[in-house]
């Protein structure tokens, strides 16, 4: 499906992953979605993991806005994604 839709036309270019040193955060850029962010906490503190996730999203969006960009969003449909799941 990804090839038929054109979503894989640049594969494997323009993709990457990032892991934090403590492995509590991972980011996958241009995999199935444009950006996937995963956070966890080894102590099971869901609030701490969620706040880390929110902080990352806000920081990324702030940096995009400095460049005159932002996350693609529609008032009716929400944020743009390339993965229907």
C-alpha atoms as a PDB file:
ATOM      1  CA  UNK A   1       0.000   0.000   0.000  1.00  0.00           C
ATOM      2  CA  UNK A   2       2.831   2.425   0.810  1.00  0.00           C
ATOM      3  CA  UNK A   3       4.351   1.957  -2.633  1.00  0.00           C
ATOM      4  CA  UNK A   4       1.006   2.260  -4.420  1.00  0.00           C
ATOM      5  CA  UNK A   5       0.238   5.532  -2.619  1.00  0.00           C
ATOM      6  CA  UNK A   6       3.678   6.975  -3.294  1.00  0.00           C
ATOM      7  CA  UNK A   7       4.535   7.101   0.415  1.00  0.00           C
ATOM      8  CA  UNK A   8       7.613   4.912  -0.127  1.00  0.00           C
ATOM      9  CA  UNK A   9       8.961   6.700  -3.201  1.00  0.00           C
ATOM     10  CA  UNK A  10      12.049   7.978  -1.354  1.00  0.00           C
ATOM     11  CA  UNK A  11      12.740   4.765   0.575  1.00  0.00           C
ATOM     12  CA  UNK A  12      15.245   4.415   2.237  1.00  0.00           C
ATOM     13  CA  UNK A  13      16.323   8.066   1.956  1.00  0.00           C
ATOM     14  CA  UNK A  14      14.978  10.778   4.285  1.00  0.00           C
ATOM     15  CA  UNK A  15      14.283   8.415   7.182  1.00  0.00           C
ATOM     16  CA  UNK A  16      15.889   8.080  10.562  1.00  0.00           C
ATOM     17  CA  UNK A  17      15.603   7.049  14.197  1.00  0.00           C
ATOM     18  CA  UNK A  18      16.739   8.649  17.425  1.00  0.00           C
ATOM     19  CA  UNK A  19      17.062   7.036  20.852  1.00  0.00           C
ATOM     20  CA  UNK A  20      17.845   8.933  24.028  1.00  0.00           C
ATOM     21  CA  UNK A  21      20.883   7.749  26.000  1.00  0.00           C
ATOM     22  CA  UNK A  22      18.672   6.307  28.737  1.00  0.00           C
ATOM     23  CA  UNK A  23      16.373   4.668  26.115  1.00  0.00           C
ATOM     24  CA  UNK A  24      13.316   6.404  27.586  1.00  0.00           C
ATOM     25  CA  UNK A  25      12.541   8.119  24.282  1.00  0.00           C
ATOM     26  CA  UNK A  26      12.631   7.051  20.646  1.00  0.00           C
ATOM     27  CA  UNK A  27      11.664   8.999  17.537  1.00  0.00           C
ATOM     28  CA  UNK A  28      11.144   7.533  14.098  1.00  0.00           C
ATOM     29  CA  UNK A  29      11.101  10.049  11.245  1.00  0.00           C
ATOM     30  CA  UNK A  30       9.341   9.168   7.969  1.00  0.00           C
ATOM     31  CA  UNK A  31       8.628   5.538   8.778  1.00  0.00           C
ATOM     32  CA  UNK A  32       4.942   4.613   8.496  1.00  0.00           C
ATOM     33  CA  UNK A  33       4.029   8.079   9.782  1.00  0.00           C
ATOM     34  CA  UNK A  34       5.840  11.349   9.247  1.00  0.00           C
ATOM     35  CA  UNK A  35       6.922  11.317  12.897  1.00  0.00           C
ATOM     36  CA  UNK A  36       6.453   8.698  15.608  1.00  0.00           C
ATOM     37  CA  UNK A  37       7.480   9.524  19.158  1.00  0.00           C
ATOM     38  CA  UNK A  38       7.587   6.851  21.836  1.00  0.00           C
ATOM     39  CA  UNK A  39       8.321   7.498  25.509  1.00  0.00           C
ATOM     40  CA  UNK A  40       8.403   5.216  28.535  1.00  0.00           C
ATOM     41  CA  UNK A  41       9.455   5.233  32.152  1.00  0.00           C
ATOM     42  CA  UNK A  42      11.193   2.245  33.715  1.00  0.00           C
ATOM     43  CA  UNK A  43       9.523   2.998  37.037  1.00  0.00           C
ATOM     44  CA  UNK A  44       6.064   2.819  35.465  1.00  0.00           C
ATOM     45  CA  UNK A  45       5.327   6.519  35.948  1.00  0.00           C
ATOM     46  CA  UNK A  46       2.853   7.076  33.100  1.00  0.00           C
ATOM     47  CA  UNK A  47       2.448  10.765  33.905  1.00  0.00           C
ATOM     48  CA  UNK A  48       6.209  11.325  33.669  1.00  0.00           C
ATOM     49  CA  UNK A  49       6.370   9.550  30.287  1.00  0.00           C
ATOM     50  CA  UNK A  50       3.358  11.502  29.007  1.00  0.00           C
ATOM     51  CA  UNK A  51       4.798  14.847  30.132  1.00  0.00           C
ATOM     52  CA  UNK A  52       8.084  13.977  28.387  1.00  0.00           C
ATOM     53  CA  UNK A  53       6.102  13.194  25.217  1.00  0.00           C
ATOM     54  CA  UNK A  54       4.189  16.502  25.415  1.00  0.00           C
ATOM     55  CA  UNK A  55       7.394  18.459  26.015  1.00  0.00           C
ATOM     56  CA  UNK A  56       8.958  16.895  22.913  1.00  0.00           C
ATOM     57  CA  UNK A  57       5.932  17.688  20.742  1.00  0.00           C
ATOM     58  CA  UNK A  58       5.826  21.299  21.948  1.00  0.00           C
ATOM     59  CA  UNK A  59       9.577  21.733  21.420  1.00  0.00           C
ATOM     60  CA  UNK A  60       9.441  20.292  17.899  1.00  0.00           C
ATOM     61  CA  UNK A  61       6.473  22.475  16.973  1.00  0.00           C
ATOM     62  CA  UNK A  62       8.197  25.582  18.387  1.00  0.00           C
ATOM     63  CA  UNK A  63      11.271  24.834  16.270  1.00  0.00           C
ATOM     64  CA  UNK A  64       9.120  24.276  13.179  1.00  0.00           C
ATOM     65  CA  UNK A  65       7.358  27.617  13.727  1.00  0.00           C
ATOM     66  CA  UNK A  66      10.694  29.459  13.949  1.00  0.00           C
ATOM     67  CA  UNK A  67      11.276  28.262  10.397  1.00  0.00           C
ATOM     68  CA  UNK A  68       7.798  29.388   9.346  1.00  0.00           C
ATOM     69  CA  UNK A  69       6.320  25.873   9.442  1.00  0.00           C
ATOM     70  CA  UNK A  70       4.313  23.667  11.780  1.00  0.00           C
ATOM     71  CA  UNK A  71       2.539  20.340  11.945  1.00  0.00           C
ATOM     72  CA  UNK A  72      -0.003  19.960   9.123  1.00  0.00           C
ATOM     73  CA  UNK A  73      -3.466  20.225  10.695  1.00  0.00           C
ATOM     74  CA  UNK A  74      -7.023  20.630   9.498  1.00  0.00           C
ATOM     75  CA  UNK A  75      -9.730  22.027  11.817  1.00  0.00           C
ATOM     76  CA  UNK A  76     -12.184  19.300  10.757  1.00  0.00           C
ATOM     77  CA  UNK A  77      -9.902  16.276  10.338  1.00  0.00           C
ATOM     78  CA  UNK A  78      -7.031  16.926  12.765  1.00  0.00           C
ATOM     79  CA  UNK A  79      -3.360  16.287  12.122  1.00  0.00           C
ATOM     80  CA  UNK A  80      -1.980  14.910   8.866  1.00  0.00           C
ATOM     81  CA  UNK A  81      -0.757  11.320   8.936  1.00  0.00           C
ATOM     82  CA  UNK A  82       0.305   8.876   6.268  1.00  0.00           C
ATOM     83  CA  UNK A  83      -0.578   5.766   8.263  1.00  0.00           C
ATOM     84  CA  UNK A  84      -4.302   5.050   8.640  1.00  0.00           C
ATOM     85  CA  UNK A  85      -3.783   3.008  11.810  1.00  0.00           C
END
